[in-house]
Amino acid sequence: MTCNANHRRRWFGSLCLLAAIVMLMAGEFLFKGRLSGVVFLAYWLSCFLFTVLAIVAAWLDVRALRRSTREAQRALFENTLQNVPRHKPGDPEDSN
């Protein structure tokens, strides 16, 4: 399930970033001078919104990656501690 969430989050972020780039290029090359007033404001606010959504998706991805890395390190540490012998070679063992 985590893998699916990672894929969805990355696809969402990529699509938002792609939409922002396409809108930026279209706004600079196709619509320059043609948009005015409220349409101009709405267009560039939507471009900004796509950019913010891409940033938020990237931030959430970094958080998820840090969490999974921390969990993997903790599991590795616990596994390593379980495999360490409790007594040093040559020490007398408990007689219980």
N, C-alpha and C. Protein backbone atom coordinates (compact mmCIF):
# COMPACT_ATOMS: atom_id res chain seq x y z
N MET A 1 0.81 -1.19 0.00
CA MET A 1 0.00 0.00 0.00
C MET A 1 0.86 1.26 0.00
N THR A 2 1.98 1.23 0.73
CA THR A 2 2.85 2.39 0.75
C THR A 2 3.41 2.67 -0.64
N CYS A 3 3.73 1.62 -1.36
CA CYS A 3 4.26 1.80 -2.70
C CYS A 3 3.23 2.49 -3.59
N ASN A 4 1.97 2.09 -3.48
CA ASN A 4 0.92 2.73 -4.27
C ASN A 4 0.76 4.19 -3.88
N ALA A 5 0.82 4.49 -2.61
CA ALA A 5 0.70 5.89 -2.16
C ALA A 5 1.88 6.71 -2.68
N ASN A 6 3.07 6.12 -2.68
CA ASN A 6 4.24 6.83 -3.21
C ASN A 6 4.08 7.13 -4.69
N HIS A 7 3.61 6.13 -5.43
CA HIS A 7 3.42 6.33 -6.86
C HIS A 7 2.36 7.39 -7.14
N ARG A 8 1.27 7.32 -6.42
CA ARG A 8 0.21 8.33 -6.62
C ARG A 8 0.71 9.73 -6.30
N ARG A 9 1.42 9.86 -5.19
CA ARG A 9 1.92 11.17 -4.79
C ARG A 9 2.92 11.71 -5.81
N ARG A 10 3.78 10.86 -6.31
CA ARG A 10 4.78 11.30 -7.29
C ARG A 10 4.13 11.64 -8.63
N TRP A 11 3.16 10.85 -9.06
CA TRP A 11 2.44 11.18 -10.29
C TRP A 11 1.69 12.48 -10.15
N PHE A 12 1.03 12.68 -9.01
CA PHE A 12 0.30 13.92 -8.78
C PHE A 12 1.24 15.11 -8.82
N GLY A 13 2.37 15.01 -8.13
CA GLY A 13 3.34 16.10 -8.14
C GLY A 13 3.90 16.36 -9.52
N SER A 14 4.18 15.30 -10.25
CA SER A 14 4.71 15.46 -11.61
C SER A 14 3.70 16.12 -12.54
N LEU A 15 2.44 15.70 -12.45
CA LEU A 15 1.41 16.29 -13.29
C LEU A 15 1.16 17.76 -12.94
N CYS A 16 1.20 18.08 -11.66
CA CYS A 16 1.04 19.48 -11.26
C CYS A 16 2.19 20.33 -11.77
N LEU A 17 3.40 19.80 -11.67
CA LEU A 17 4.56 20.52 -12.16
C LEU A 17 4.51 20.68 -13.68
N LEU A 18 4.11 19.64 -14.37
CA LEU A 18 3.98 19.72 -15.82
C LEU A 18 2.92 20.74 -16.21
N ALA A 19 1.78 20.74 -15.50
CA ALA A 19 0.73 21.72 -15.79
C ALA A 19 1.22 23.14 -15.57
N ALA A 20 1.98 23.36 -14.49
CA ALA A 20 2.51 24.69 -14.21
C ALA A 20 3.49 25.13 -15.30
N ILE A 21 4.33 24.22 -15.75
CA ILE A 21 5.31 24.57 -16.80
C ILE A 21 4.61 24.88 -18.12
N VAL A 22 3.61 24.05 -18.47
CA VAL A 22 2.87 24.29 -19.71
C VAL A 22 2.13 25.62 -19.63
N MET A 23 1.50 25.91 -18.48
CA MET A 23 0.79 27.18 -18.33
C MET A 23 1.76 28.36 -18.39
N LEU A 24 2.93 28.21 -17.80
CA LEU A 24 3.92 29.28 -17.83
C LEU A 24 4.36 29.56 -19.26
N MET A 25 4.66 28.51 -20.00
CA MET A 25 5.09 28.70 -21.38
C MET A 25 3.97 29.26 -22.25
N ALA A 26 2.75 28.76 -22.07
CA ALA A 26 1.62 29.26 -22.85
C ALA A 26 1.34 30.72 -22.49
N GLY A 27 1.46 31.05 -21.22
CA GLY A 27 1.22 32.43 -20.80
C GLY A 27 2.24 33.40 -21.34
N GLU A 28 3.48 32.94 -21.45
CA GLU A 28 4.54 33.81 -21.95
C GLU A 28 4.56 33.91 -23.47
N PHE A 29 4.22 32.83 -24.16
CA PHE A 29 4.36 32.83 -25.62
C PHE A 29 3.03 32.96 -26.37
N LEU A 30 1.97 32.35 -25.88
CA LEU A 30 0.70 32.38 -26.60
C LEU A 30 -0.24 33.49 -26.14
N PHE A 31 -0.33 33.66 -24.82
CA PHE A 31 -1.33 34.58 -24.28
C PHE A 31 -0.78 35.94 -23.88
N LYS A 32 0.48 36.18 -24.12
CA LYS A 32 1.08 37.45 -23.70
C LYS A 32 0.38 38.61 -24.43
N GLY A 33 -0.19 39.50 -23.65
CA GLY A 33 -0.89 40.65 -24.20
C GLY A 33 -2.35 40.37 -24.53
N ARG A 34 -2.77 39.10 -24.53
CA ARG A 34 -4.16 38.76 -24.86
C ARG A 34 -5.04 38.65 -23.63
N LEU A 35 -4.44 38.34 -22.49
CA LEU A 35 -5.22 38.21 -21.25
C LEU A 35 -5.25 39.56 -20.55
N SER A 36 -6.40 39.88 -19.99
CA SER A 36 -6.48 41.14 -19.24
C SER A 36 -7.48 41.01 -18.10
N GLY A 37 -7.27 41.82 -17.11
CA GLY A 37 -8.21 41.90 -15.99
C GLY A 37 -8.30 40.63 -15.18
N VAL A 38 -9.53 40.21 -14.94
CA VAL A 38 -9.80 39.05 -14.08
C VAL A 38 -9.29 37.76 -14.72
N VAL A 39 -9.37 37.65 -16.02
CA VAL A 39 -8.88 36.44 -16.71
C VAL A 39 -7.38 36.30 -16.53
N PHE A 40 -6.65 37.41 -16.64
CA PHE A 40 -5.20 37.42 -16.43
C PHE A 40 -4.88 36.95 -15.01
N LEU A 41 -5.59 37.51 -14.05
CA LEU A 41 -5.36 37.17 -12.65
C LEU A 41 -5.70 35.70 -12.38
N ALA A 42 -6.82 35.23 -12.89
CA ALA A 42 -7.22 33.84 -12.68
C ALA A 42 -6.22 32.88 -13.33
N TYR A 43 -5.76 33.21 -14.51
CA TYR A 43 -4.80 32.35 -15.21
C TYR A 43 -3.52 32.19 -14.40
N TRP A 44 -2.95 33.31 -13.98
CA TRP A 44 -1.67 33.23 -13.27
C TRP A 44 -1.84 32.70 -11.85
N LEU A 45 -2.98 32.90 -11.23
CA LEU A 45 -3.23 32.30 -9.92
C LEU A 45 -3.36 30.78 -10.04
N SER A 46 -3.98 30.30 -11.10
CA SER A 46 -4.07 28.86 -11.29
C SER A 46 -2.69 28.26 -11.58
N CYS A 47 -1.86 28.97 -12.32
CA CYS A 47 -0.48 28.52 -12.55
C CYS A 47 0.28 28.46 -11.22
N PHE A 48 0.10 29.48 -10.40
CA PHE A 48 0.73 29.50 -9.08
C PHE A 48 0.20 28.36 -8.22
N LEU A 49 -1.09 28.08 -8.29
CA LEU A 49 -1.69 26.99 -7.52
C LEU A 49 -1.08 25.64 -7.91
N PHE A 50 -0.92 25.40 -9.21
CA PHE A 50 -0.28 24.16 -9.64
C PHE A 50 1.16 24.05 -9.13
N THR A 51 1.86 25.16 -9.10
CA THR A 51 3.23 25.17 -8.58
C THR A 51 3.25 24.84 -7.09
N VAL A 52 2.35 25.44 -6.34
CA VAL A 52 2.27 25.17 -4.90
C VAL A 52 1.89 23.72 -4.65
N LEU A 53 0.96 23.19 -5.42
CA LEU A 53 0.58 21.78 -5.26
C LEU A 53 1.76 20.85 -5.53
N ALA A 54 2.57 21.17 -6.53
CA ALA A 54 3.76 20.35 -6.82
C ALA A 54 4.75 20.42 -5.66
N ILE A 55 4.91 21.60 -5.08
CA ILE A 55 5.83 21.76 -3.94
C ILE A 55 5.32 20.97 -2.74
N VAL A 56 4.03 21.03 -2.47
CA VAL A 56 3.45 20.29 -1.34
C VAL A 56 3.60 18.79 -1.55
N ALA A 57 3.35 18.32 -2.77
CA ALA A 57 3.52 16.89 -3.06
C ALA A 57 4.97 16.46 -2.85
N ALA A 58 5.91 17.30 -3.26
CA ALA A 58 7.33 16.98 -3.05
C ALA A 58 7.68 16.95 -1.57
N TRP A 59 7.13 17.89 -0.81
CA TRP A 59 7.38 17.94 0.63
C TRP A 59 6.80 16.69 1.32
N LEU A 60 5.59 16.29 0.93
CA LEU A 60 5.00 15.08 1.50
C LEU A 60 5.80 13.84 1.13
N ASP A 61 6.35 13.82 -0.07
CA ASP A 61 7.17 12.70 -0.49
C ASP A 61 8.46 12.62 0.32
N VAL A 62 9.05 13.76 0.59
CA VAL A 62 10.27 13.78 1.42
C VAL A 62 9.96 13.29 2.83
N ARG A 63 8.83 13.73 3.38
CA ARG A 63 8.44 13.26 4.72
C ARG A 63 8.25 11.75 4.75
N ALA A 64 7.56 11.22 3.74
CA ALA A 64 7.32 9.77 3.68
C ALA A 64 8.64 9.02 3.51
N LEU A 65 9.53 9.55 2.71
CA LEU A 65 10.83 8.91 2.50
C LEU A 65 11.65 8.91 3.78
N ARG A 66 11.63 10.02 4.50
CA ARG A 66 12.35 10.08 5.79
C ARG A 66 11.78 9.09 6.78
N ARG A 67 10.44 9.01 6.84
CA ARG A 67 9.80 8.09 7.78
C ARG A 67 10.16 6.64 7.45
N SER A 68 10.10 6.27 6.16
CA SER A 68 10.41 4.89 5.80
C SER A 68 11.89 4.58 6.03
N THR A 69 12.76 5.55 5.79
CA THR A 69 14.19 5.35 6.05
C THR A 69 14.44 5.18 7.54
N ARG A 70 13.79 6.00 8.36
CA ARG A 70 13.95 5.89 9.80
C ARG A 70 13.46 4.53 10.31
N GLU A 71 12.32 4.06 9.78
CA GLU A 71 11.79 2.75 10.18
C GLU A 71 12.74 1.63 9.76
N ALA A 72 13.29 1.73 8.56
CA ALA A 72 14.22 0.71 8.09
C ALA A 72 15.50 0.69 8.93
N GLN A 73 16.00 1.86 9.29
CA GLN A 73 17.20 1.92 10.13
C GLN A 73 16.91 1.35 11.52
N ARG A 74 15.74 1.66 12.06
CA ARG A 74 15.38 1.14 13.38
C ARG A 74 15.26 -0.38 13.34
N ALA A 75 14.63 -0.91 12.29
CA ALA A 75 14.49 -2.36 12.16
C ALA A 75 15.86 -3.02 12.00
N LEU A 76 16.74 -2.42 11.22
CA LEU A 76 18.08 -2.96 11.04
C LEU A 76 18.85 -2.94 12.36
N PHE A 77 18.73 -1.87 13.11
CA PHE A 77 19.40 -1.77 14.40
C PHE A 77 18.89 -2.84 15.36
N GLU A 78 17.58 -3.01 15.43
CA GLU A 78 17.01 -4.02 16.33
C GLU A 78 17.41 -5.42 15.90
N ASN A 79 17.43 -5.68 14.60
CA ASN A 79 17.83 -6.98 14.09
C ASN A 79 19.30 -7.25 14.42
N THR A 80 20.13 -6.23 14.28
CA THR A 80 21.55 -6.37 14.59
C THR A 80 21.74 -6.65 16.07
N LEU A 81 21.00 -5.96 16.93
CA LEU A 81 21.12 -6.20 18.37
C LEU A 81 20.68 -7.61 18.75
N GLN A 82 19.70 -8.15 18.06
CA GLN A 82 19.24 -9.51 18.36
C GLN A 82 20.29 -10.54 17.95
N ASN A 83 21.10 -10.22 16.97
CA ASN A 83 22.10 -11.17 16.49
C ASN A 83 23.44 -11.07 17.24
N VAL A 84 23.60 -10.08 18.09
CA VAL A 84 24.83 -9.93 18.85
C VAL A 84 24.82 -10.95 19.99
N PRO A 85 25.89 -11.71 20.15
CA PRO A 85 25.92 -12.68 21.26
C PRO A 85 25.89 -11.96 22.60
N ARG A 86 25.19 -12.55 23.54
CA ARG A 86 25.02 -11.92 24.85
C ARG A 86 26.26 -12.05 25.73
N HIS A 87 27.05 -13.08 25.50
CA HIS A 87 28.25 -13.29 26.30
C HIS A 87 29.47 -13.21 25.40
N LYS A 88 30.53 -12.68 25.97
CA LYS A 88 31.78 -12.62 25.23
C LYS A 88 32.43 -14.02 25.26
N PRO A 89 33.19 -14.33 24.24
CA PRO A 89 33.90 -15.63 24.27
C PRO A 89 34.85 -15.68 25.46
N GLY A 90 34.82 -16.77 26.17
CA GLY A 90 35.71 -16.93 27.30
C GLY A 90 35.08 -16.54 28.62
N ASP A 91 33.94 -15.87 28.60
CA ASP A 91 33.26 -15.51 29.86
C ASP A 91 32.55 -16.74 30.41
N PRO A 92 32.53 -16.88 31.73
CA PRO A 92 31.76 -18.01 32.31
C PRO A 92 30.26 -17.78 32.07
N GLU A 93 29.58 -18.83 31.68
CA GLU A 93 28.15 -18.70 31.42
C GLU A 93 27.39 -18.83 32.72
N ASP A 94 26.16 -18.29 32.72
CA ASP A 94 25.30 -18.41 33.89
C ASP A 94 24.96 -19.86 34.13
N SER A 95 24.88 -20.24 35.37
CA SER A 95 24.58 -21.63 35.71
C SER A 95 23.12 -21.80 36.09
N ASN A 96 22.22 -20.97 35.58
CA ASN A 96 20.79 -21.10 35.91
C ASN A 96 20.19 -22.19 35.18
